[in-house]
């Protein structure tokens, strides 16, 4: 885990420029979105796409098992089934 401190000035309309080293750690560039996670007086800034994927993974946790998909063979059978439906 990389730990460092960086600062940015808040402009009149509440805008800040995310420092370059922070953008690099977040993996964001021009046009990307970030998500602000507020916990009390602490705010975390995260890459919005990465955060969305993490939330999706949490929501989907255990769903494969509920659907009876417990092995690679089950996944392959499901893929074959979907492919056959789309061809017909």
Protein backbone atom coordinates (compact mmCIF):
# COMPACT_ATOMS: atom_id res chain seq x y z
CA UNK A 1 0.00 0.00 0.00
CA UNK A 2 1.38 3.35 -1.04
CA UNK A 3 0.89 6.15 1.50
CA UNK A 4 1.48 9.84 0.80
CA UNK A 5 -0.20 13.18 1.39
CA UNK A 6 -1.04 15.70 -1.30
CA UNK A 7 -3.14 18.87 -1.30
CA UNK A 8 -5.32 20.80 -3.70
CA UNK A 9 -6.95 24.22 -3.47
CA UNK A 10 -10.75 24.48 -3.56
CA UNK A 11 -11.82 27.02 -6.15
CA UNK A 12 -14.85 29.34 -6.00
CA UNK A 13 -17.30 26.80 -7.46
CA UNK A 14 -16.02 23.96 -5.28
CA UNK A 15 -13.74 22.56 -7.97
CA UNK A 16 -10.38 20.99 -7.22
CA UNK A 17 -7.69 19.62 -9.48
CA UNK A 18 -6.73 16.09 -8.47
CA UNK A 19 -2.93 16.06 -8.21
CA UNK A 20 -1.13 14.02 -10.87
CA UNK A 21 0.31 11.47 -8.44
CA UNK A 22 -3.17 10.86 -7.00
CA UNK A 23 -4.67 10.48 -10.50
CA UNK A 24 -2.01 7.91 -11.29
CA UNK A 25 -2.78 5.89 -8.15
CA UNK A 26 -6.51 6.03 -8.92
CA UNK A 27 -5.93 5.15 -12.55
CA UNK A 28 -8.03 8.06 -13.79
CA UNK A 29 -7.44 10.51 -16.59
CA UNK A 30 -9.30 13.20 -18.52
CA UNK A 31 -13.00 12.39 -18.79
CA UNK A 32 -12.99 9.57 -16.21
CA UNK A 33 -15.28 9.75 -13.19
CA UNK A 34 -14.45 9.48 -9.52
CA UNK A 35 -16.71 8.55 -6.62
CA UNK A 36 -16.63 10.28 -3.24
CA UNK A 37 -17.29 7.99 -0.27
CA UNK A 38 -18.10 10.01 2.85
CA UNK A 39 -17.71 8.32 6.24
CA UNK A 40 -18.20 10.85 9.01
CA UNK A 41 -15.62 13.57 8.40
CA UNK A 42 -13.46 11.31 6.24
CA UNK A 43 -13.81 11.32 2.45
CA UNK A 44 -12.30 8.72 0.14
CA UNK A 45 -11.95 9.39 -3.58
CA UNK A 46 -12.02 6.27 -5.75
CA UNK A 47 -12.08 5.43 -9.44
CA UNK A 48 -15.82 5.27 -10.19
CA UNK A 49 -15.51 2.36 -12.65
CA UNK A 50 -13.47 0.27 -10.21
CA UNK A 51 -15.89 1.09 -7.38
CA UNK A 52 -18.91 0.15 -9.49
CA UNK A 53 -17.30 -3.21 -10.35
CA UNK A 54 -16.52 -3.86 -6.68
CA UNK A 55 -20.13 -3.11 -5.70
CA UNK A 56 -21.41 -5.40 -8.47
CA UNK A 57 -19.10 -8.19 -7.30
CA UNK A 58 -20.40 -7.82 -3.73
CA UNK A 59 -24.02 -7.95 -4.89
CA UNK A 60 -23.35 -11.01 -7.04
CA UNK A 61 -21.48 -12.89 -4.31
CA UNK A 62 -23.01 -16.35 -4.00
CA UNK A 63 -25.41 -15.95 -6.93
CA UNK A 64 -23.63 -18.57 -9.07
CA UNK A 65 -24.00 -21.16 -6.34
CA UNK A 66 -27.70 -20.28 -5.94
CA UNK A 67 -28.12 -20.88 -9.69
CA UNK A 68 -26.35 -24.23 -9.42
CA UNK A 69 -23.15 -23.09 -11.12
CA UNK A 70 -20.39 -24.64 -9.05
CA UNK A 71 -17.77 -25.76 -11.56
CA UNK A 72 -16.09 -24.77 -14.79
CA UNK A 73 -18.15 -27.42 -16.56
CA UNK A 74 -21.33 -25.71 -15.32
CA UNK A 75 -20.10 -22.40 -16.77
CA UNK A 76 -19.28 -24.02 -20.13
CA UNK A 77 -22.72 -25.67 -20.23
CA UNK A 78 -24.38 -22.31 -19.54
CA UNK A 79 -22.34 -20.62 -22.29
CA UNK A 80 -23.26 -23.38 -24.77
CA UNK A 81 -26.92 -23.05 -23.80
CA UNK A 82 -26.92 -19.27 -24.31
CA UNK A 83 -25.11 -19.58 -27.63
CA UNK A 84 -27.60 -22.15 -28.89
CA UNK A 85 -30.53 -19.91 -27.92
CA UNK A 86 -29.04 -16.91 -29.72
CA UNK A 87 -28.47 -18.92 -32.92
CA UNK A 88 -32.06 -20.13 -33.08
